[in-house]
Protein backbone atom coordinates (compact mmCIF):
# COMPACT_ATOMS: atom_id res chain seq x y z
CA MET A 1 -22.03 2.71 -88.24
CA PRO A 2 -26.15 3.21 -89.25
CA ARG A 3 -28.58 4.40 -86.91
CA ARG A 4 -32.49 4.29 -86.45
CA ALA A 5 -34.69 7.05 -85.06
CA THR A 6 -34.26 7.45 -81.20
CA LEU A 7 -36.94 5.42 -79.41
CA ARG A 8 -37.66 4.79 -75.48
CA LEU A 9 -35.77 1.60 -74.86
CA THR A 10 -37.49 -1.03 -73.74
CA ASP A 11 -36.82 -4.81 -73.22
CA LYS A 12 -39.59 -5.76 -75.53
CA MET A 13 -38.99 -3.61 -77.88
CA ILE A 14 -35.10 -4.41 -78.06
CA GLY A 15 -36.14 -8.07 -78.72
CA ASN A 16 -38.19 -7.17 -81.92
CA LEU A 17 -35.12 -4.95 -83.50
CA PRO A 18 -35.10 -6.43 -86.54
CA THR A 19 -30.89 -7.74 -87.50
CA PRO A 20 -29.33 -5.93 -90.31
CA ALA A 21 -28.00 -7.48 -93.35
CA LYS A 22 -24.49 -6.24 -92.86
CA GLY A 23 -22.39 -4.35 -90.07
CA ALA A 24 -24.70 -2.76 -87.17
CA VAL A 25 -26.99 -0.84 -86.38
CA ILE A 26 -27.66 1.54 -83.47
CA THR A 27 -31.00 2.96 -81.92
CA TYR A 28 -30.76 5.34 -79.46
CA ASP A 29 -32.62 5.70 -76.33
CA LYS A 30 -34.69 9.00 -75.81
CA ASP A 31 -33.88 9.63 -71.90
CA VAL A 32 -30.15 9.62 -71.87
CA PRO A 33 -27.98 11.21 -74.42
CA GLY A 34 -26.13 8.68 -76.44
CA PHE A 35 -27.49 5.68 -74.79
CA GLY A 36 -28.50 3.11 -77.53
CA ILE A 37 -28.64 -1.04 -78.39
CA ARG A 38 -26.42 -1.87 -81.14
CA VAL A 39 -27.19 -5.21 -83.54
CA THR A 40 -25.28 -6.75 -85.36
CA LYS A 41 -25.57 -8.49 -88.39
CA ASN A 42 -25.02 -11.92 -86.63
CA GLY A 43 -28.08 -10.83 -83.98
CA VAL A 44 -25.99 -9.99 -80.85
CA ARG A 45 -27.46 -7.20 -79.34
CA SER A 46 -25.03 -4.57 -76.92
CA PHE A 47 -26.20 -1.61 -74.79
CA VAL A 48 -23.30 1.06 -75.77
CA LEU A 49 -22.90 4.26 -74.74
CA ASN A 50 -21.70 7.60 -76.84
CA TYR A 51 -19.68 10.47 -75.38
CA VAL A 52 -17.38 13.49 -75.97
CA ALA A 53 -14.32 13.15 -73.90
CA ALA A 54 -11.33 15.72 -75.10
CA GLY A 55 -12.88 16.62 -77.87
CA VAL A 56 -13.20 13.38 -79.00
CA GLU A 57 -16.40 11.25 -79.97
CA ARG A 58 -15.69 7.62 -77.89
CA ARG A 59 -18.12 4.76 -77.77
CA MET A 60 -18.17 1.78 -74.79
CA THR A 61 -20.01 -1.46 -74.99
CA ILE A 62 -21.92 -1.34 -71.38
CA GLY A 63 -22.91 -5.02 -71.95
CA GLN A 64 -24.90 -7.38 -74.25
CA PHE A 65 -28.79 -7.43 -73.96
CA SER A 66 -28.62 -11.24 -72.77
CA MET A 67 -26.78 -10.49 -69.72
CA TRP A 68 -28.32 -6.86 -68.75
CA SER A 69 -31.71 -5.54 -68.59
CA THR A 70 -32.88 -2.50 -70.67
CA THR A 71 -33.50 -0.16 -66.99
CA ALA A 72 -30.14 -1.65 -65.76
CA ALA A 73 -28.54 -0.77 -68.09
CA ARG A 74 -30.04 2.78 -68.40
CA GLU A 75 -28.85 3.60 -64.93
CA GLU A 76 -25.33 2.39 -65.71
CA ALA A 77 -25.54 5.31 -68.86
CA LYS A 78 -26.56 7.63 -66.00
CA ASN A 79 -23.64 6.77 -63.67
CA LEU A 80 -21.29 7.01 -67.03
CA ARG A 81 -22.98 10.37 -67.93
CA ARG A 82 -22.40 11.82 -64.18
CA LYS A 83 -18.17 10.92 -64.42
CA ILE A 84 -18.30 12.19 -68.26
CA ASP A 85 -19.29 15.77 -66.41
CA ARG A 86 -16.74 15.20 -63.65
CA GLY A 87 -14.37 15.10 -66.41
CA ILE A 88 -13.59 11.64 -66.16
CA ASP A 89 -13.11 9.57 -69.56
CA PRO A 90 -15.15 6.04 -68.05
CA LEU A 91 -13.49 4.39 -71.42
CA ALA A 92 -9.98 5.16 -70.60
CA GLU A 93 -11.04 4.46 -66.38
CA ARG A 94 -11.76 0.85 -67.87
CA LYS A 95 -8.62 0.81 -69.74
CA ASP A 96 -6.67 1.66 -67.00
CA LYS A 97 -8.28 -1.03 -64.30
CA GLU A 98 -7.79 -3.83 -67.03
CA LEU A 99 -4.38 -2.99 -66.95
CA VAL A 100 -3.87 -2.61 -63.10
CA ALA A 101 -5.70 -6.31 -63.38
CA ALA A 102 -3.12 -7.88 -66.26
CA ALA A 103 -0.52 -6.44 -64.50
CA GLU A 104 -1.90 -8.37 -61.31
CA ARG A 105 -2.35 -11.61 -63.15
CA ALA A 106 1.20 -11.42 -64.04
CA ALA A 107 2.30 -10.31 -60.74
CA PRO A 108 5.40 -13.09 -59.86
CA THR A 109 4.16 -15.78 -56.76
CA VAL A 110 6.02 -17.46 -54.44
CA LYS A 111 6.51 -19.99 -56.88
CA ASP A 112 8.50 -17.55 -59.09
CA LEU A 113 10.28 -16.12 -56.54
CA PHE A 114 11.75 -19.87 -55.56
CA ASN A 115 12.55 -20.03 -59.03
CA ARG A 116 14.79 -17.16 -59.28
CA TYR A 117 16.20 -17.85 -56.17
CA ASP A 118 17.05 -21.26 -56.72
CA LEU A 119 18.45 -19.94 -60.55
CA GLU A 120 20.51 -16.93 -59.37
CA HIS A 121 20.97 -17.49 -55.77
CA LEU A 122 21.73 -21.32 -55.03
CA PRO A 123 24.53 -21.43 -56.83
CA HIS A 124 26.51 -19.34 -55.11
CA LYS A 125 25.84 -21.95 -51.73
CA SER A 126 27.77 -25.56 -51.40
CA LEU A 127 25.91 -28.11 -53.02
CA ARG A 128 24.50 -29.62 -49.63
CA ALA A 129 23.34 -26.55 -48.67
CA ALA A 130 21.49 -25.98 -51.75
CA ALA A 131 19.85 -29.05 -51.52
CA ASP A 132 18.91 -28.41 -47.94
CA ASP A 133 17.51 -24.87 -49.47
CA ARG A 134 15.59 -26.80 -52.03
CA SER A 135 14.20 -29.34 -49.39
CA ILE A 136 12.82 -26.81 -47.54
CA TRP A 137 11.01 -24.91 -50.20
CA ASN A 138 9.32 -28.24 -52.16
CA GLN A 139 8.21 -29.73 -48.76
CA LEU A 140 7.56 -26.81 -46.22
CA VAL A 141 7.18 -23.64 -48.30
CA LEU A 142 5.87 -24.22 -51.55
CA PRO A 143 2.92 -26.20 -50.74
CA LYS A 144 1.18 -23.53 -48.55
CA LEU A 145 2.52 -20.45 -50.22
CA GLY A 146 3.32 -21.12 -53.61
CA ALA A 147 0.19 -20.42 -55.62
CA MET A 148 0.37 -16.71 -53.71
CA LYS A 149 1.62 -13.50 -55.05
CA VAL A 150 4.81 -12.55 -53.40
CA THR A 151 2.96 -8.85 -52.49
CA GLU A 152 0.00 -10.79 -50.66
CA VAL A 153 2.10 -12.46 -48.21
CA ARG A 154 1.78 -11.57 -44.97
CA SER A 155 3.26 -11.63 -41.31
CA THR A 156 0.37 -14.37 -40.37
CA ASP A 157 1.50 -16.38 -43.05
CA ILE A 158 4.91 -16.62 -42.55
CA ASP A 159 4.06 -17.10 -38.53
CA ALA A 160 1.90 -20.09 -39.55
CA ILE A 161 4.43 -21.72 -41.09
CA HIS A 162 6.84 -21.82 -38.66
CA VAL A 163 4.03 -22.49 -35.56
CA ASP A 164 3.33 -25.53 -37.69
CA ILE A 165 6.86 -27.12 -38.33
CA SER A 166 7.86 -25.99 -34.72
CA ARG A 167 5.32 -28.30 -33.30
CA THR A 168 7.86 -31.69 -34.32
CA ARG A 169 11.08 -29.58 -35.39
CA PRO A 170 11.69 -26.29 -33.86
CA VAL A 171 15.37 -26.14 -34.96
CA ARG A 172 14.09 -27.03 -38.74
CA ALA A 173 11.52 -24.51 -38.38
CA ASN A 174 14.38 -21.32 -37.42
CA ARG A 175 15.71 -22.59 -40.80
CA THR A 176 13.17 -22.43 -42.83
CA ILE A 177 13.00 -19.17 -41.57
CA GLU A 178 16.32 -18.10 -42.49
CA VAL A 179 15.80 -19.55 -46.18
CA VAL A 180 12.31 -17.50 -46.70
CA ARG A 181 13.74 -13.92 -45.28
CA LYS A 182 16.78 -14.21 -47.73
CA ALA A 183 14.59 -14.72 -50.43
CA PHE A 184 12.09 -12.00 -49.99
CA ASN A 185 15.05 -9.58 -49.11
CA LEU A 186 15.70 -10.30 -52.69
CA ALA A 187 12.30 -9.82 -53.72
CA ILE A 188 13.18 -6.25 -52.26
CA ARG A 189 15.97 -5.94 -54.66
CA TRP A 190 14.24 -6.84 -57.26
CA GLY A 191 11.48 -4.76 -57.30
CA TRP A 192 8.73 -7.32 -56.33
CA ARG A 193 7.45 -5.64 -52.91
CA PRO A 194 8.72 -2.74 -50.48
CA ASP A 195 9.15 -5.02 -47.31
CA ASN A 196 9.92 -8.34 -45.86
CA PRO A 197 7.25 -10.03 -44.31
CA VAL A 198 9.42 -12.39 -42.57
CA ALA A 199 10.68 -9.32 -40.22
CA GLY A 200 9.67 -9.77 -36.99
CA VAL A 201 8.86 -13.00 -36.83
CA ARG A 202 10.39 -14.64 -33.68
CA LYS A 203 12.49 -17.80 -33.57
CA ASN A 204 12.20 -21.02 -31.53
CA PRO A 205 15.35 -20.78 -28.62
CA GLU A 206 18.28 -23.06 -29.85
CA GLN A 207 20.39 -24.83 -27.50
CA ASN A 208 23.83 -24.67 -29.12
CA ARG A 209 25.68 -27.98 -28.92
CA THR A 210 28.98 -28.28 -28.72
CA ARG A 211 30.99 -31.78 -28.25
CA TYR A 212 34.66 -32.27 -27.97
CA LEU A 213 36.18 -36.09 -28.02
CA SER A 214 38.41 -36.57 -25.02
CA PRO A 215 41.45 -38.39 -26.02
CA ILE A 216 40.89 -41.31 -24.98
CA GLU A 217 37.56 -40.87 -27.55
CA ILE A 218 40.08 -40.09 -30.13
CA MET A 219 42.05 -42.94 -29.77
CA LYS A 220 39.36 -45.44 -29.88
CA LEU A 221 38.09 -43.58 -32.88
CA ALA A 222 41.34 -43.78 -34.93
CA ALA A 223 41.79 -47.28 -34.32
CA ALA A 224 38.14 -48.19 -35.79
CA LEU A 225 38.83 -46.31 -38.88
CA ALA A 226 42.17 -47.85 -39.03
CA ALA A 227 40.14 -51.14 -39.16
CA HIS A 228 36.82 -50.26 -41.16
CA LYS A 229 36.94 -51.87 -44.63
CA GLU A 230 35.74 -48.72 -46.39
CA LYS A 231 39.12 -46.99 -46.70
CA MET A 232 38.36 -44.04 -48.73
CA SER A 233 35.71 -43.11 -47.04
CA ALA A 234 37.92 -43.82 -43.26
CA GLN A 235 40.85 -41.83 -44.66
CA ALA A 236 38.34 -38.42 -45.65
CA ILE A 237 37.29 -39.11 -41.66
CA ARG A 238 40.97 -39.61 -40.53
CA LEU A 239 42.08 -36.12 -43.08
CA LEU A 240 38.70 -34.49 -41.22
CA MET A 241 40.43 -35.37 -37.73
CA LEU A 242 44.37 -34.24 -38.85
CA THR A 243 43.18 -30.61 -40.28
CA GLY A 244 39.89 -29.17 -38.46
CA ALA A 245 38.24 -28.65 -42.12
CA ARG A 246 34.56 -28.85 -42.80
CA ARG A 247 33.64 -32.17 -44.55
CA SER A 248 32.72 -30.51 -47.97
CA GLU A 249 36.31 -29.33 -48.07
CA VAL A 250 37.11 -32.16 -47.77
CA LEU A 251 35.46 -34.43 -49.98
CA SER A 252 35.95 -31.88 -52.70
CA ALA A 253 39.04 -31.52 -52.45
CA ARG A 254 41.87 -31.87 -55.40
CA TRP A 255 45.30 -33.14 -55.86
CA ASP A 256 45.97 -29.79 -57.27
CA MET A 257 45.01 -27.94 -54.30
CA PHE A 258 48.10 -29.43 -52.56
CA ASP A 259 51.74 -28.81 -52.34
CA LEU A 260 53.05 -31.63 -50.57
CA ASP A 261 56.80 -30.90 -50.57
CA LYS A 262 56.02 -27.64 -48.40
CA GLY A 263 52.83 -29.11 -46.74
CA VAL A 264 50.38 -26.80 -47.78
CA TRP A 265 46.68 -27.18 -48.77
CA VAL A 266 45.36 -24.17 -50.59
CA LYS A 267 41.68 -24.08 -50.80
CA PRO A 268 39.81 -21.90 -53.58
CA SER A 269 37.14 -19.31 -52.98
CA ALA A 270 34.74 -21.63 -54.40
CA HIS A 271 35.55 -24.67 -52.16
CA THR A 272 35.11 -22.54 -48.70
CA LYS A 273 31.89 -21.47 -46.88
CA GLN A 274 33.59 -17.70 -46.86
CA LYS A 275 34.10 -17.61 -50.57
CA LYS A 276 37.56 -16.69 -49.78
CA GLU A 277 40.97 -18.30 -50.40
CA HIS A 278 42.58 -20.37 -47.38
CA ARG A 279 46.43 -21.22 -47.51
CA VAL A 280 46.47 -23.47 -44.46
CA PRO A 281 49.90 -25.67 -43.23
CA LEU A 282 49.31 -29.08 -42.46
CA SER A 283 50.79 -31.43 -40.02
CA ALA A 284 53.20 -34.19 -40.74
CA PRO A 285 50.72 -37.08 -39.85
CA ALA A 286 48.28 -35.01 -42.25
CA VAL A 287 51.01 -34.91 -45.04
CA GLN A 288 51.77 -38.32 -44.32
CA LEU A 289 48.22 -39.48 -45.07
CA LEU A 290 47.71 -37.52 -48.11
CA LYS A 291 51.30 -38.46 -49.60
CA GLU A 292 49.53 -42.46 -48.96
CA LEU A 293 47.03 -41.32 -50.87
CA LYS A 294 48.69 -40.24 -53.87
CA THR A 295 50.70 -43.43 -53.80
CA GLU A 296 47.71 -45.40 -54.15
CA ALA A 297 45.92 -43.30 -56.51
CA ILE A 298 49.16 -43.52 -58.54
CA GLU A 299 48.53 -46.92 -58.40
CA ARG A 300 44.91 -47.12 -59.38
CA MET A 301 45.88 -45.01 -62.56
CA LYS A 302 48.34 -47.73 -63.58
CA GLU A 303 46.16 -50.38 -63.23
CA ALA A 304 43.15 -48.72 -65.01
CA LYS A 305 45.79 -47.96 -67.35
CA ALA A 306 45.13 -44.60 -67.62
CA SER A 307 46.45 -41.49 -68.68
CA GLU A 308 46.55 -39.49 -65.53
CA VAL A 309 45.46 -39.80 -62.24
CA ILE A 310 41.80 -39.33 -61.04
CA PRO A 311 41.90 -35.02 -59.84
CA TYR A 312 39.70 -35.86 -56.39
CA VAL A 313 41.93 -37.17 -53.30
CA PHE A 314 38.72 -39.24 -52.24
CA PRO A 315 36.95 -40.13 -55.12
CA GLY A 316 34.28 -42.66 -55.58
CA ALA A 317 33.57 -46.15 -57.61
CA ASP A 318 32.39 -43.69 -60.31
CA GLY A 319 35.69 -41.45 -60.07
CA GLU A 320 33.37 -38.25 -58.77
CA PRO A 321 34.14 -37.34 -55.47
CA LEU A 322 32.43 -38.58 -52.48
CA THR A 323 29.52 -36.76 -51.14
CA ASP A 324 28.02 -39.09 -48.41
CA ILE A 325 30.20 -40.68 -45.54
CA LYS A 326 27.17 -41.10 -43.30
CA ARG A 327 27.37 -44.96 -42.99
CA THR A 328 31.32 -45.30 -42.37
CA TRP A 329 30.78 -42.44 -39.52
CA LEU A 330 28.24 -44.46 -38.04
CA ALA A 331 30.22 -47.99 -38.34
CA VAL A 332 33.29 -46.45 -36.56
CA CYS A 333 31.04 -44.25 -34.00
CA LYS A 334 29.47 -47.67 -33.10
CA GLU A 335 33.30 -49.32 -32.87
CA ALA A 336 34.57 -46.82 -30.80
CA GLY A 337 31.59 -46.77 -28.53
CA LEU A 338 30.16 -43.12 -29.86
CA ALA A 339 26.77 -44.34 -30.85
CA SER A 340 23.59 -45.52 -28.84
CA GLN A 341 20.10 -47.17 -30.01
CA ALA A 342 17.34 -45.34 -30.02
CA GLU A 343 13.45 -46.04 -30.86
CA GLN A 344 12.89 -44.62 -34.45
CA ARG A 345 10.38 -42.02 -34.76
CA ARG A 346 8.59 -40.26 -37.72
CA ARG A 347 8.74 -36.67 -37.91
CA ASP A 348 5.98 -36.33 -36.80
CA GLY A 349 6.65 -37.93 -33.64
CA ARG A 350 4.88 -41.31 -33.99
CA LEU A 351 7.02 -44.60 -33.47
CA LEU A 352 7.89 -46.91 -36.26
CA ARG A 353 7.41 -50.38 -35.90
CA ASP A 354 8.87 -53.42 -37.75
CA SER A 355 6.35 -56.27 -39.19
CA ASN A 356 6.12 -57.72 -34.97
CA GLY A 357 4.80 -54.36 -33.92
CA LYS A 358 7.75 -53.66 -32.03
CA PRO A 359 9.42 -50.21 -32.06
CA LEU A 360 12.16 -49.86 -34.30
CA ILE A 361 15.56 -49.49 -32.94
CA VAL A 362 18.35 -48.03 -34.77
CA TRP A 363 21.57 -46.65 -33.73
CA LYS A 364 22.82 -43.34 -33.77
CA ALA A 365 26.03 -41.61 -33.31
CA THR A 366 26.09 -39.56 -30.37
CA VAL A 367 28.96 -36.98 -32.13
CA ARG A 368 28.46 -35.54 -35.29
CA ILE A 369 31.09 -35.37 -38.24
CA HIS A 370 31.09 -31.93 -37.57
CA ASP A 371 32.33 -32.60 -33.68
CA LEU A 372 35.63 -33.20 -35.40
CA ARG A 373 36.10 -29.47 -36.09
CA HIS A 374 35.36 -28.37 -32.52
CA THR A 375 37.62 -31.19 -31.17
CA TYR A 376 40.66 -30.01 -33.52
CA ALA A 377 39.95 -26.20 -32.22
CA SER A 378 39.97 -27.72 -28.53
CA ILE A 379 43.10 -29.19 -29.19
CA LEU A 380 45.03 -26.07 -30.32
CA VAL A 381 43.36 -24.07 -27.08
CA SER A 382 45.23 -26.84 -24.97
CA GLU A 383 47.85 -25.92 -26.44
CA GLY A 384 48.07 -22.27 -25.36
CA LEU A 385 47.42 -21.33 -29.16
CA SER A 386 45.43 -17.99 -29.56
CA LEU A 387 42.04 -16.86 -31.07
CA PRO A 388 43.44 -15.16 -33.91
CA ILE A 389 45.53 -18.23 -35.02
CA ILE A 390 42.71 -20.90 -33.97
CA GLY A 391 40.63 -18.70 -36.88
CA ALA A 392 43.29 -18.63 -39.22
CA LEU A 393 43.73 -22.21 -38.79
CA LEU A 394 40.09 -22.95 -39.46
CA GLY A 395 39.15 -20.31 -42.12
CA HIS A 396 36.97 -18.05 -40.05
CA THR A 397 36.55 -14.56 -41.31
CA GLN A 398 34.94 -12.86 -38.26
CA PRO A 399 36.48 -13.26 -34.51
CA GLN A 400 33.02 -14.15 -33.10
CA THR A 401 33.09 -17.28 -34.78
CA THR A 402 35.89 -18.35 -33.12
CA ALA A 403 35.05 -16.73 -30.11
CA ARG A 404 32.95 -19.87 -28.90
CA TYR A 405 36.09 -21.62 -27.86
CA ALA A 406 36.79 -18.99 -25.89
CA HIS A 407 35.83 -20.48 -22.74
CA LEU A 408 38.38 -23.66 -23.50
CA PHE A 409 40.99 -21.77 -22.25
CA ASP A 410 39.82 -22.12 -18.47
CA ASP A 411 41.56 -25.59 -18.32
CA PRO A 412 44.83 -24.50 -18.91
CA LEU A 413 44.43 -21.43 -17.29
CA ARG A 414 43.39 -22.98 -13.99
CA ALA A 415 46.04 -25.40 -14.42
CA ALA A 416 48.52 -22.64 -14.47
CA THR A 417 47.10 -21.06 -11.50
CA GLU A 418 46.43 -24.48 -9.01
CA ARG A 419 50.78 -24.56 -10.03
CA VAL A 420 51.29 -21.44 -8.23
CA GLY A 421 48.56 -22.20 -5.51
CA ALA A 422 50.64 -25.51 -4.94
CA LEU A 423 53.71 -23.39 -4.91
CA LEU A 424 52.32 -20.61 -2.65
CA GLY A 425 50.62 -23.07 -0.57
CA THR A 426 53.42 -25.18 0.79
């Protein structure tokens, strides 16, 4: 590149430098070695610094004349010269900083974390659980943290989300913490950050709620199910009562899982919470219910002139398995006296009102569908069966999961000791 004579560079002089006909020309400053102004054929004027590092001559651009004064550019050149004297290559240093900045820009965000969590983790959960996870992310987490880099998230950020949700939904706040903790554990495995910002976040205390239906309540519920017009969903609830199975297991049940001659239900690993095959014997009433359902399925096949029976035990109108039985559950609970009226509130605690301004009153079941599973276990306890047997029937893999029913042994034990007391007290 052509060079002009070494001069004392000034703003005025640089502004008067001629534009070369082609290429570029550098005019060097006489005070700072290698410091100069480059003028291109397009008239662009830029301050540069020539220097030698590791035996190789290098040239770096300090900045354009339109952005830098000559005095400021000269001081920058002096600072760079001092680095060079200490063995630092400023051009290499700049490239390293650019690489770091590029890496930071490309670093995954919390939204990226969710996308990978959704792609790789959620397929291993049930459809219902996966949908709930996505709801937590989309409604509660991503609006606040989505744009942040995964490495930038701090415990205080997680605490703030937990505190905010806890004001109106303390249990939901705890579920949110569990979901985000799992995602950041995966982030550690993927090498996105070395620690988990959720560690140490204190969850809200929760009151374990376990409801058991009394024999009278069971009879009323059974009568309401028998009279309910939606037979398919009502029969699904009956099977829940007779087996203690989880709702997802019953609603996704297929005919090829049952051996009705032997009275056995083999739940494949893909359908169980523990991801293990669960083989469970069926009671005579459960087998009879399934046989009736199978007969009805065959009749529907004949009416539709289909070649085979729909594979699902509880199909919906579209032939796919039922996914929601909440309406039927509320209806039979109302009929059985297991529901109550309550004022409907928003999630922020405010009352919902009708067109006349009166509080909107809705019916709510006082018993959950999952309580049928607890009731099933309580009946087994009252019959004197051991916790390991109960756990095997319910599909528990951890003894502590079944241990929640241990206190129910108090009633049959008390009855037994009362017999002894009655005999010895006479």
